Every structure is written in C-alpha cells, then in structure tokens.
C-alpha cells in the first residue's frame, strides 16, 4: 500500500465525487476542479478504490434517458487512465477483511454499513489518507470514529500550502 512519502496531502474520494464531476454538478464542480488542480500541482494526492470504476459507470442523464453517450463514456474512462491524477487502489483480501470488520463494528453501534461503503472506508484506511471526501456525509461521517481520517464534503479553503520564500 502507498505510504506518506511526499508532502502532498493524501485524500480519498468516494465514487460520488466522480459522479458529481461527470454529471457536471454546477455547485460541486468548481471545488472538484480546484482540488484536481492542486493534485496536478503536487499539493494533493487523490486515491480511490478500483470499485469506483464500477460505481461510475454512467452519467445521470444516461440513466434517466436510457441512452448511452460515447462522449460521456470517454470522459468517465479518462478519470481512470493516464495522465489522470487519480491513484486507483486494488481491492485486495486485506481490504475485504477490513471492510467486513468495519461492517461488524457498525452493527455493534446500531449502524448499518453497505459493503461498497465499507470497501471505500477500508481502502482509505489502508492507504493512510488524512481526509475522506464524500457527498454522503449524512450517512458516513459517523464512521470517522472507527478510522484515522476526517470524513468531510470536499472543500478547498481548508488547505494552505507552504509558499517558497524567494527573499533569501
């Protein structure tokens, strides 16, 4: 699994972030684009599970109209293929066992955790991210107490990156 070896802040993106980008959600797209720019600049490192490829199979308009659009599929595929800044993490047996453990811990607390969400949370834990970005904070935020990262809606004003001092 990747370790924190650079100064880039490690983030995990839930599949709903990618869906918001593909659906061109006007309220969310500026923040997503800004974070991708920060990733390209080396300030952030974005991870997600290979599971996201399955969860981001089509745009909302394609589902609504029951008509698939090749241009949309190309946009979706570009999320996962170089030179995309997205780091895909394989769903390995360790992640699956961790996901199962999270689901059992959730039951102990009277919560319900779906398998796909458990896989995303377990993957983020294995990668050792600082932040887990999702638009599903209403159902996932409480799981921060079972992990080592902060679960939040994506935002850009949180990150202040060191500036080079050119006065020397």
N, C-alpha and C. Protein backbone atom coordinates (compact mmCIF):
# COMPACT_ATOMS: atom_id res chain seq x y z
N UNK A 1 0.83 -1.18 0.00
CA UNK A 1 0.00 0.00 0.00
C UNK A 1 0.88 1.25 0.00
N UNK A 2 0.38 2.34 -0.60
CA UNK A 2 1.15 3.58 -0.63
C UNK A 2 1.37 4.12 0.78
N UNK A 3 2.52 4.69 1.00
CA UNK A 3 2.85 5.32 2.28
C UNK A 3 3.01 6.82 2.04
N UNK A 4 2.91 7.58 3.12
CA UNK A 4 3.07 9.02 3.03
C UNK A 4 4.57 9.34 2.89
N UNK A 5 5.04 9.49 1.66
CA UNK A 5 6.44 9.77 1.43
C UNK A 5 6.65 11.15 0.81
N UNK A 6 5.60 11.83 0.45
CA UNK A 6 5.74 13.15 -0.15
C UNK A 6 5.04 14.18 0.74
N UNK A 7 5.14 15.42 0.33
CA UNK A 7 4.47 16.48 1.08
C UNK A 7 3.03 16.67 0.64
N UNK A 8 2.62 15.95 -0.39
CA UNK A 8 1.25 16.05 -0.88
C UNK A 8 0.29 15.49 0.18
N UNK A 9 -0.80 16.18 0.39
CA UNK A 9 -1.81 15.74 1.35
C UNK A 9 -2.61 14.60 0.71
N UNK A 10 -2.65 13.43 1.36
CA UNK A 10 -3.39 12.30 0.77
C UNK A 10 -4.89 12.38 1.06
N UNK A 11 -5.68 12.33 -0.01
CA UNK A 11 -7.14 12.36 0.07
C UNK A 11 -7.69 11.09 -0.53
N UNK A 12 -8.86 10.70 -0.04
CA UNK A 12 -9.59 9.60 -0.66
C UNK A 12 -10.90 10.16 -1.18
N UNK A 13 -11.25 9.81 -2.41
CA UNK A 13 -12.50 10.25 -2.98
C UNK A 13 -13.46 9.08 -3.11
N UNK A 14 -14.62 9.26 -2.51
CA UNK A 14 -15.73 8.33 -2.67
C UNK A 14 -16.23 8.47 -4.11
N UNK A 15 -16.88 7.45 -4.62
CA UNK A 15 -17.36 7.47 -6.01
C UNK A 15 -18.29 8.64 -6.31
N UNK A 16 -19.01 9.12 -5.31
CA UNK A 16 -19.95 10.22 -5.55
C UNK A 16 -19.24 11.51 -5.98
N UNK A 17 -17.97 11.66 -5.64
CA UNK A 17 -17.22 12.84 -6.10
C UNK A 17 -17.06 12.77 -7.61
N UNK A 18 -16.67 11.61 -8.11
CA UNK A 18 -16.50 11.43 -9.55
C UNK A 18 -17.83 11.56 -10.29
N UNK A 19 -18.91 11.04 -9.70
CA UNK A 19 -20.23 11.18 -10.32
C UNK A 19 -20.63 12.64 -10.41
N UNK A 20 -20.32 13.42 -9.39
CA UNK A 20 -20.63 14.85 -9.44
C UNK A 20 -19.87 15.53 -10.56
N UNK A 21 -18.63 15.12 -10.80
CA UNK A 21 -17.85 15.69 -11.89
C UNK A 21 -18.43 15.29 -13.24
N UNK A 22 -18.74 14.00 -13.40
CA UNK A 22 -19.29 13.51 -14.67
C UNK A 22 -20.64 14.15 -14.96
N UNK A 23 -21.44 14.35 -13.91
CA UNK A 23 -22.75 14.97 -14.09
C UNK A 23 -22.68 16.49 -14.16
N UNK A 24 -21.47 17.03 -14.09
CA UNK A 24 -21.23 18.48 -14.16
C UNK A 24 -22.11 19.24 -13.17
N UNK A 25 -22.15 18.76 -11.94
CA UNK A 25 -22.92 19.42 -10.89
C UNK A 25 -22.36 20.82 -10.68
N UNK A 26 -23.16 21.84 -11.01
CA UNK A 26 -22.66 23.22 -11.01
C UNK A 26 -22.24 23.72 -9.64
N UNK A 27 -22.81 23.17 -8.57
CA UNK A 27 -22.42 23.59 -7.22
C UNK A 27 -21.14 22.91 -6.75
N UNK A 28 -20.86 21.74 -7.26
CA UNK A 28 -19.72 20.95 -6.80
C UNK A 28 -18.51 21.01 -7.72
N UNK A 29 -18.74 21.20 -9.00
CA UNK A 29 -17.67 21.13 -9.99
C UNK A 29 -16.52 22.10 -9.74
N UNK A 30 -16.76 23.35 -9.33
CA UNK A 30 -15.62 24.25 -9.08
C UNK A 30 -14.67 23.74 -7.99
N UNK A 31 -15.21 23.16 -6.94
CA UNK A 31 -14.37 22.64 -5.86
C UNK A 31 -13.61 21.41 -6.35
N UNK A 32 -14.28 20.53 -7.07
CA UNK A 32 -13.63 19.32 -7.60
C UNK A 32 -12.50 19.71 -8.54
N UNK A 33 -12.76 20.65 -9.43
CA UNK A 33 -11.74 21.11 -10.37
C UNK A 33 -10.56 21.74 -9.64
N UNK A 34 -10.84 22.53 -8.63
CA UNK A 34 -9.77 23.15 -7.84
C UNK A 34 -8.90 22.10 -7.15
N UNK A 35 -9.53 21.07 -6.59
CA UNK A 35 -8.77 20.01 -5.94
C UNK A 35 -7.93 19.23 -6.95
N UNK A 36 -8.47 18.99 -8.13
CA UNK A 36 -7.69 18.32 -9.18
C UNK A 36 -6.50 19.18 -9.61
N UNK A 37 -6.71 20.50 -9.68
CA UNK A 37 -5.60 21.41 -9.98
C UNK A 37 -4.53 21.33 -8.91
N UNK A 38 -4.95 21.29 -7.64
CA UNK A 38 -3.99 21.15 -6.54
C UNK A 38 -3.25 19.82 -6.61
N UNK A 39 -3.93 18.80 -7.08
CA UNK A 39 -3.31 17.49 -7.28
C UNK A 39 -2.25 17.58 -8.37
N UNK A 40 -2.60 18.21 -9.48
CA UNK A 40 -1.64 18.39 -10.58
C UNK A 40 -0.42 19.20 -10.14
N UNK A 41 -0.63 20.13 -9.20
CA UNK A 41 0.47 20.96 -8.70
C UNK A 41 1.32 20.24 -7.66
N UNK A 42 0.92 19.03 -7.28
CA UNK A 42 1.69 18.26 -6.30
C UNK A 42 1.34 18.52 -4.86
N UNK A 43 0.27 19.27 -4.62
CA UNK A 43 -0.14 19.59 -3.25
C UNK A 43 -1.04 18.53 -2.63
N UNK A 44 -1.73 17.79 -3.48
CA UNK A 44 -2.64 16.74 -3.03
C UNK A 44 -2.35 15.46 -3.78
N UNK A 45 -2.70 14.35 -3.17
CA UNK A 45 -2.64 13.05 -3.84
C UNK A 45 -3.99 12.39 -3.61
N UNK A 46 -4.70 12.11 -4.70
CA UNK A 46 -6.07 11.58 -4.60
C UNK A 46 -6.06 10.08 -4.87
N UNK A 47 -6.70 9.34 -3.96
CA UNK A 47 -6.83 7.89 -4.06
C UNK A 47 -8.31 7.53 -4.14
N UNK A 48 -8.58 6.41 -4.78
CA UNK A 48 -9.90 5.79 -4.74
C UNK A 48 -9.73 4.31 -5.02
N UNK A 49 -10.74 3.56 -4.73
CA UNK A 49 -10.74 2.12 -4.98
C UNK A 49 -11.08 1.83 -6.44
N UNK A 50 -10.57 0.72 -6.95
CA UNK A 50 -11.00 0.26 -8.26
C UNK A 50 -12.51 0.06 -8.31
N UNK A 51 -13.13 -0.12 -7.16
CA UNK A 51 -14.58 -0.22 -7.08
C UNK A 51 -15.27 0.99 -7.69
N UNK A 52 -14.63 2.15 -7.61
CA UNK A 52 -15.22 3.37 -8.17
C UNK A 52 -15.48 3.26 -9.67
N UNK A 53 -14.66 2.49 -10.37
CA UNK A 53 -14.87 2.32 -11.81
C UNK A 53 -16.25 1.72 -12.07
N UNK A 54 -16.64 0.78 -11.25
CA UNK A 54 -17.97 0.15 -11.40
C UNK A 54 -19.07 1.11 -10.98
N UNK A 55 -18.83 1.86 -9.92
CA UNK A 55 -19.87 2.77 -9.41
C UNK A 55 -20.07 3.98 -10.31
N UNK A 56 -19.06 4.32 -11.09
CA UNK A 56 -19.17 5.46 -12.01
C UNK A 56 -19.26 4.91 -13.43
N UNK A 57 -20.31 4.19 -13.70
CA UNK A 57 -20.49 3.52 -15.00
C UNK A 57 -21.24 4.38 -16.01
N UNK A 58 -22.00 5.36 -15.54
CA UNK A 58 -22.79 6.17 -16.45
C UNK A 58 -23.15 7.49 -15.76
N UNK A 59 -23.53 8.46 -16.58
CA UNK A 59 -23.98 9.75 -16.07
C UNK A 59 -25.46 9.67 -15.73
N UNK A 60 -25.90 10.60 -14.93
CA UNK A 60 -27.31 10.66 -14.53
C UNK A 60 -28.22 10.79 -15.76
N UNK A 61 -27.79 11.60 -16.73
CA UNK A 61 -28.62 11.80 -17.93
C UNK A 61 -28.75 10.51 -18.74
N UNK A 62 -27.71 9.70 -18.77
CA UNK A 62 -27.79 8.44 -19.49
C UNK A 62 -28.79 7.50 -18.83
N UNK A 63 -28.76 7.47 -17.51
CA UNK A 63 -29.71 6.61 -16.78
C UNK A 63 -31.14 7.09 -16.98
N UNK A 64 -31.33 8.40 -16.85
CA UNK A 64 -32.67 8.98 -16.97
C UNK A 64 -33.26 8.74 -18.36
N UNK A 65 -32.45 8.95 -19.39
CA UNK A 65 -32.93 8.84 -20.77
C UNK A 65 -32.79 7.43 -21.34
N UNK A 66 -32.09 6.55 -20.62
CA UNK A 66 -31.81 5.18 -21.08
C UNK A 66 -31.12 5.17 -22.44
N UNK A 67 -30.27 6.19 -22.63
CA UNK A 67 -29.48 6.30 -23.86
C UNK A 67 -28.03 6.53 -23.46
N UNK A 68 -27.15 5.64 -23.90
CA UNK A 68 -25.73 5.79 -23.57
C UNK A 68 -25.05 6.68 -24.59
N UNK A 69 -24.13 7.51 -24.10
CA UNK A 69 -23.44 8.50 -24.91
C UNK A 69 -21.95 8.17 -24.90
N UNK A 70 -21.36 7.95 -26.08
CA UNK A 70 -19.94 7.61 -26.18
C UNK A 70 -19.05 8.72 -25.62
N UNK A 71 -19.46 9.98 -25.79
CA UNK A 71 -18.66 11.10 -25.29
C UNK A 71 -18.60 11.06 -23.76
N UNK A 72 -19.70 10.72 -23.13
CA UNK A 72 -19.71 10.60 -21.67
C UNK A 72 -18.85 9.43 -21.23
N UNK A 73 -18.94 8.31 -21.94
CA UNK A 73 -18.10 7.17 -21.58
C UNK A 73 -16.62 7.53 -21.70
N UNK A 74 -16.26 8.31 -22.71
CA UNK A 74 -14.86 8.75 -22.85
C UNK A 74 -14.44 9.58 -21.65
N UNK A 75 -15.31 10.48 -21.19
CA UNK A 75 -15.00 11.30 -20.00
C UNK A 75 -14.81 10.42 -18.77
N UNK A 76 -15.69 9.45 -18.63
CA UNK A 76 -15.58 8.53 -17.49
C UNK A 76 -14.26 7.77 -17.55
N UNK A 77 -13.93 7.24 -18.71
CA UNK A 77 -12.70 6.47 -18.86
C UNK A 77 -11.46 7.30 -18.58
N UNK A 78 -11.50 8.58 -18.92
CA UNK A 78 -10.34 9.46 -18.68
C UNK A 78 -10.07 9.66 -17.19
N UNK A 79 -11.09 9.42 -16.36
CA UNK A 79 -10.86 9.51 -14.91
C UNK A 79 -9.83 8.49 -14.45
N UNK A 80 -9.80 7.35 -15.10
CA UNK A 80 -9.01 6.21 -14.61
C UNK A 80 -7.72 5.96 -15.38
N UNK A 81 -7.59 6.56 -16.55
CA UNK A 81 -6.43 6.27 -17.40
C UNK A 81 -5.42 7.41 -17.35
N UNK A 82 -4.11 7.10 -17.45
CA UNK A 82 -3.11 8.16 -17.50
C UNK A 82 -3.43 9.13 -18.62
N UNK A 83 -3.22 10.40 -18.40
CA UNK A 83 -2.50 11.04 -17.30
C UNK A 83 -3.37 11.47 -16.12
N UNK A 84 -4.44 10.79 -15.86
CA UNK A 84 -5.31 11.13 -14.73
C UNK A 84 -4.50 11.17 -13.44
N UNK A 85 -4.77 12.13 -12.57
CA UNK A 85 -4.06 12.18 -11.29
C UNK A 85 -4.64 11.24 -10.23
N UNK A 86 -5.68 10.49 -10.60
CA UNK A 86 -6.34 9.61 -9.63
C UNK A 86 -5.52 8.32 -9.47
N UNK A 87 -5.23 7.99 -8.23
CA UNK A 87 -4.50 6.77 -7.90
C UNK A 87 -5.50 5.69 -7.52
N UNK A 88 -5.57 4.66 -8.35
CA UNK A 88 -6.51 3.55 -8.11
C UNK A 88 -5.86 2.50 -7.22
N UNK A 89 -6.62 2.05 -6.22
CA UNK A 89 -6.14 1.06 -5.27
C UNK A 89 -6.92 -0.24 -5.48
N UNK A 90 -6.19 -1.33 -5.61
CA UNK A 90 -6.82 -2.63 -5.81
C UNK A 90 -7.59 -3.06 -4.57
N UNK A 91 -8.67 -3.75 -4.81
CA UNK A 91 -9.45 -4.34 -3.71
C UNK A 91 -8.83 -5.71 -3.45
N UNK A 92 -7.98 -5.75 -2.44
CA UNK A 92 -7.29 -7.00 -2.12
C UNK A 92 -7.94 -7.67 -0.91
N UNK A 93 -7.51 -8.88 -0.58
CA UNK A 93 -8.12 -9.57 0.57
C UNK A 93 -8.02 -8.80 1.89
N UNK A 94 -6.94 -8.07 2.10
CA UNK A 94 -6.79 -7.31 3.34
C UNK A 94 -7.88 -6.25 3.46
N UNK A 95 -8.16 -5.57 2.35
CA UNK A 95 -9.21 -4.56 2.34
C UNK A 95 -10.57 -5.21 2.58
N UNK A 96 -10.81 -6.34 1.96
CA UNK A 96 -12.09 -7.03 2.15
C UNK A 96 -12.28 -7.42 3.61
N UNK A 97 -11.26 -7.95 4.24
CA UNK A 97 -11.37 -8.32 5.66
C UNK A 97 -11.56 -7.09 6.54
N UNK A 98 -10.85 -6.00 6.21
CA UNK A 98 -11.03 -4.75 6.96
C UNK A 98 -12.46 -4.23 6.80
N UNK A 99 -12.99 -4.33 5.58
CA UNK A 99 -14.36 -3.88 5.32
C UNK A 99 -15.36 -4.69 6.13
N UNK A 100 -15.15 -5.99 6.19
CA UNK A 100 -16.02 -6.85 6.99
C UNK A 100 -15.97 -6.44 8.46
N UNK A 101 -14.78 -6.16 8.95
CA UNK A 101 -14.62 -5.73 10.34
C UNK A 101 -15.36 -4.42 10.60
N UNK A 102 -15.25 -3.47 9.66
CA UNK A 102 -15.98 -2.20 9.80
C UNK A 102 -17.49 -2.44 9.85
N UNK A 103 -17.97 -3.34 9.02
CA UNK A 103 -19.41 -3.63 9.00
C UNK A 103 -19.85 -4.24 10.33
N UNK A 104 -19.02 -5.09 10.90
CA UNK A 104 -19.35 -5.70 12.20
C UNK A 104 -19.29 -4.65 13.32
N UNK A 105 -18.31 -3.74 13.24
CA UNK A 105 -18.23 -2.67 14.24
C UNK A 105 -19.44 -1.75 14.14
N UNK A 106 -19.91 -1.53 12.93
CA UNK A 106 -21.10 -0.70 12.73
C UNK A 106 -22.31 -1.34 13.38
N UNK A 107 -22.48 -2.64 13.21
CA UNK A 107 -23.61 -3.35 13.81
C UNK A 107 -23.59 -3.20 15.33
N UNK A 108 -22.39 -3.29 15.93
CA UNK A 108 -22.26 -3.14 17.38
C UNK A 108 -22.76 -1.78 17.86
N UNK A 109 -22.69 -0.78 16.99
CA UNK A 109 -23.12 0.58 17.35
C UNK A 109 -24.56 0.86 16.91
N UNK A 110 -25.21 -0.14 16.33
CA UNK A 110 -26.57 0.05 15.86
C UNK A 110 -26.64 0.76 14.51
N UNK A 111 -25.54 0.78 13.78
CA UNK A 111 -25.48 1.41 12.47
C UNK A 111 -25.54 0.35 11.39
N UNK A 112 -25.83 0.79 10.18
CA UNK A 112 -25.76 -0.09 9.03
C UNK A 112 -24.72 0.45 8.07
N UNK A 113 -23.89 -0.42 7.53
CA UNK A 113 -22.86 -0.01 6.59
C UNK A 113 -22.93 -0.94 5.39
N UNK A 114 -23.16 -0.36 4.21
CA UNK A 114 -23.25 -1.15 2.98
C UNK A 114 -21.85 -1.63 2.57
N UNK A 115 -21.79 -2.79 1.92
CA UNK A 115 -20.48 -3.33 1.53
C UNK A 115 -19.62 -2.37 0.70
N UNK A 116 -20.19 -1.68 -0.27
CA UNK A 116 -19.38 -0.77 -1.09
C UNK A 116 -18.81 0.36 -0.24
N UNK A 117 -19.61 0.92 0.66
CA UNK A 117 -19.11 1.98 1.55
C UNK A 117 -18.02 1.43 2.47
N UNK A 118 -18.20 0.22 2.96
CA UNK A 118 -17.19 -0.40 3.83
C UNK A 118 -15.89 -0.61 3.07
N UNK A 119 -15.97 -0.99 1.81
CA UNK A 119 -14.76 -1.17 0.99
C UNK A 119 -14.05 0.17 0.79
N UNK A 120 -14.81 1.22 0.52
CA UNK A 120 -14.18 2.54 0.37
C UNK A 120 -13.51 2.98 1.66
N UNK A 121 -14.19 2.84 2.79
CA UNK A 121 -13.60 3.25 4.07
C UNK A 121 -12.36 2.41 4.40
N UNK A 122 -12.43 1.12 4.16
CA UNK A 122 -11.29 0.24 4.44
C UNK A 122 -10.11 0.57 3.53
N UNK A 123 -10.39 0.88 2.28
CA UNK A 123 -9.32 1.25 1.35
C UNK A 123 -8.64 2.53 1.80
N UNK A 124 -9.43 3.51 2.18
CA UNK A 124 -8.87 4.78 2.66
C UNK A 124 -8.00 4.56 3.89
N UNK A 125 -8.45 3.69 4.77
CA UNK A 125 -7.68 3.37 5.98
C UNK A 125 -6.35 2.72 5.62
N UNK A 126 -6.36 1.79 4.70
CA UNK A 126 -5.14 1.10 4.27
C UNK A 126 -4.14 2.05 3.60
N UNK A 127 -4.65 3.01 2.85
CA UNK A 127 -3.79 3.96 2.15
C UNK A 127 -3.25 5.04 3.11
N UNK A 128 -3.86 5.14 4.27
CA UNK A 128 -3.46 6.11 5.30
C UNK A 128 -3.67 7.55 4.84
N UNK A 129 -4.87 7.83 4.37
CA UNK A 129 -5.20 9.20 3.95
C UNK A 129 -5.48 10.07 5.17
N UNK A 130 -5.45 11.36 4.95
CA UNK A 130 -5.81 12.32 6.00
C UNK A 130 -7.29 12.67 5.94
N UNK A 131 -7.84 12.68 4.72
CA UNK A 131 -9.23 13.10 4.51
C UNK A 131 -9.94 12.14 3.57
N UNK A 132 -11.18 11.85 3.89
CA UNK A 132 -12.06 11.04 3.05
C UNK A 132 -13.15 11.98 2.57
N UNK A 133 -13.15 12.27 1.27
CA UNK A 133 -14.13 13.19 0.70
C UNK A 133 -15.33 12.43 0.16
N UNK A 134 -16.51 12.90 0.54
CA UNK A 134 -17.76 12.29 0.09
C UNK A 134 -18.87 13.33 0.16
N UNK A 135 -19.87 13.16 -0.66
CA UNK A 135 -21.09 13.97 -0.53
C UNK A 135 -22.13 13.21 0.27
N UNK A 136 -21.77 12.06 0.77
CA UNK A 136 -22.66 11.25 1.61
C UNK A 136 -22.29 11.36 3.09
N UNK A 137 -21.93 12.56 3.53
CA UNK A 137 -21.52 12.72 4.93
C UNK A 137 -22.65 12.42 5.90
N UNK A 138 -23.90 12.61 5.46
CA UNK A 138 -25.03 12.32 6.35
C UNK A 138 -25.03 10.86 6.80
N UNK A 139 -24.56 9.96 5.95
CA UNK A 139 -24.54 8.55 6.36
C UNK A 139 -23.14 8.04 6.72
N UNK A 140 -22.08 8.75 6.30
CA UNK A 140 -20.73 8.23 6.53
C UNK A 140 -19.91 8.96 7.59
N UNK A 141 -20.25 10.19 7.93
CA UNK A 141 -19.42 10.98 8.85
C UNK A 141 -19.18 10.27 10.18
N UNK A 142 -20.16 9.56 10.69
CA UNK A 142 -20.01 8.90 11.99
C UNK A 142 -18.92 7.83 11.97
N UNK A 143 -18.57 7.32 10.80
CA UNK A 143 -17.55 6.28 10.71
C UNK A 143 -16.14 6.81 10.95
N UNK A 144 -15.99 8.12 11.05
CA UNK A 144 -14.68 8.70 11.38
C UNK A 144 -14.18 8.17 12.71
N UNK A 145 -15.10 7.85 13.62
CA UNK A 145 -14.67 7.34 14.92
C UNK A 145 -14.08 5.93 14.83
N UNK A 146 -14.29 5.25 13.71
CA UNK A 146 -13.72 3.91 13.51
C UNK A 146 -12.46 3.96 12.65
N UNK A 147 -12.06 5.15 12.21
CA UNK A 147 -10.93 5.30 11.30
C UNK A 147 -9.94 6.33 11.85
N UNK A 148 -8.91 6.60 11.08
CA UNK A 148 -7.91 7.59 11.47
C UNK A 148 -7.96 8.85 10.61
N UNK A 149 -9.00 8.99 9.80
CA UNK A 149 -9.09 10.14 8.91
C UNK A 149 -10.35 10.94 9.17
N UNK A 150 -10.39 12.13 8.60
CA UNK A 150 -11.55 13.02 8.71
C UNK A 150 -12.45 12.77 7.50
N UNK A 151 -13.73 12.59 7.74
CA UNK A 151 -14.70 12.38 6.67
C UNK A 151 -15.46 13.69 6.47
N UNK A 152 -15.37 14.25 5.26
CA UNK A 152 -15.98 15.55 5.01
C UNK A 152 -16.37 15.73 3.56
N UNK A 153 -17.20 16.74 3.34
CA UNK A 153 -17.54 17.18 1.98
C UNK A 153 -16.29 17.87 1.43
N UNK A 154 -15.97 17.68 0.16
CA UNK A 154 -14.78 18.33 -0.41
C UNK A 154 -14.83 19.84 -0.25
N UNK A 155 -13.69 20.39 0.11
CA UNK A 155 -13.53 21.84 0.19
C UNK A 155 -12.10 22.20 -0.10
N UNK A 156 -11.88 23.40 -0.57
CA UNK A 156 -10.53 23.80 -0.92
C UNK A 156 -9.95 24.80 0.06
N UNK A 157 -10.77 25.55 0.76
CA UNK A 157 -10.24 26.60 1.63
C UNK A 157 -9.55 26.03 2.87
N UNK A 158 -9.66 24.75 3.10
CA UNK A 158 -9.02 24.11 4.25
C UNK A 158 -7.51 24.02 4.07
N UNK A 159 -7.05 23.85 2.84
CA UNK A 159 -5.65 23.58 2.59
C UNK A 159 -4.87 24.86 2.33
N UNK A 160 -3.90 25.08 3.16
CA UNK A 160 -2.98 26.20 2.93
C UNK A 160 -1.62 25.59 2.70
N UNK A 161 -1.09 25.78 1.50
CA UNK A 161 0.15 25.16 1.15
C UNK A 161 1.30 26.13 1.39
N UNK A 162 2.45 25.59 1.83
CA UNK A 162 3.60 26.48 2.07
C UNK A 162 4.05 27.12 0.77
N UNK A 163 4.39 28.36 0.85
CA UNK A 163 4.89 29.10 -0.30
C UNK A 163 6.41 29.15 -0.22
N UNK A 164 7.05 29.10 -1.38
CA UNK A 164 8.52 29.22 -1.40
C UNK A 164 8.88 30.64 -0.97
N UNK A 165 9.92 30.73 -0.17
CA UNK A 165 10.39 32.04 0.26
C UNK A 165 11.49 32.47 -0.70
N UNK A 166 11.20 33.48 -1.51
CA UNK A 166 12.16 33.96 -2.50
C UNK A 166 12.96 35.15 -1.98
N UNK A 167 12.83 35.47 -0.69
CA UNK A 167 13.52 36.61 -0.12
C UNK A 167 14.96 36.30 0.26
N UNK A 168 15.36 35.05 0.19
CA UNK A 168 16.70 34.67 0.64
C UNK A 168 17.74 34.97 -0.39
